[in-house]
Amino acid sequence: MTDIETSNDEIIERNFDERTEEDKEAFLTQTWCNACQAADLGMVEPKEYELNGVVIVEGKCKKCGEVSLTEVADESTDGEWEDER
């Protein structure tokens, strides 16, 4: 456990392979890498989990190998900004 994590952080494993082929392709290709500072480099070794109510797809950047995280938008709020509610 790192200093950032607390005992309240509960990780719930999810199965990335249960997503549709279209969704999987989008998550694996439409990425942002903080290390490369570039979009759509691709992701390998995806795993999906829920952390504190947020669904995350985590993998490694195809170009540099650094961890890449994608927060999955909730369809009920997709496109809404926090201050627009």
Foldseek 3Di string as FASTA:
>chain_A
DDPVDDPPKDKAWDAPVVDDPVVNVCVFFAFADPVVRDGRQGWPPWTWIAIPNWIKIWGARPPPGHITIDTDDDPVCPPPDPVRD
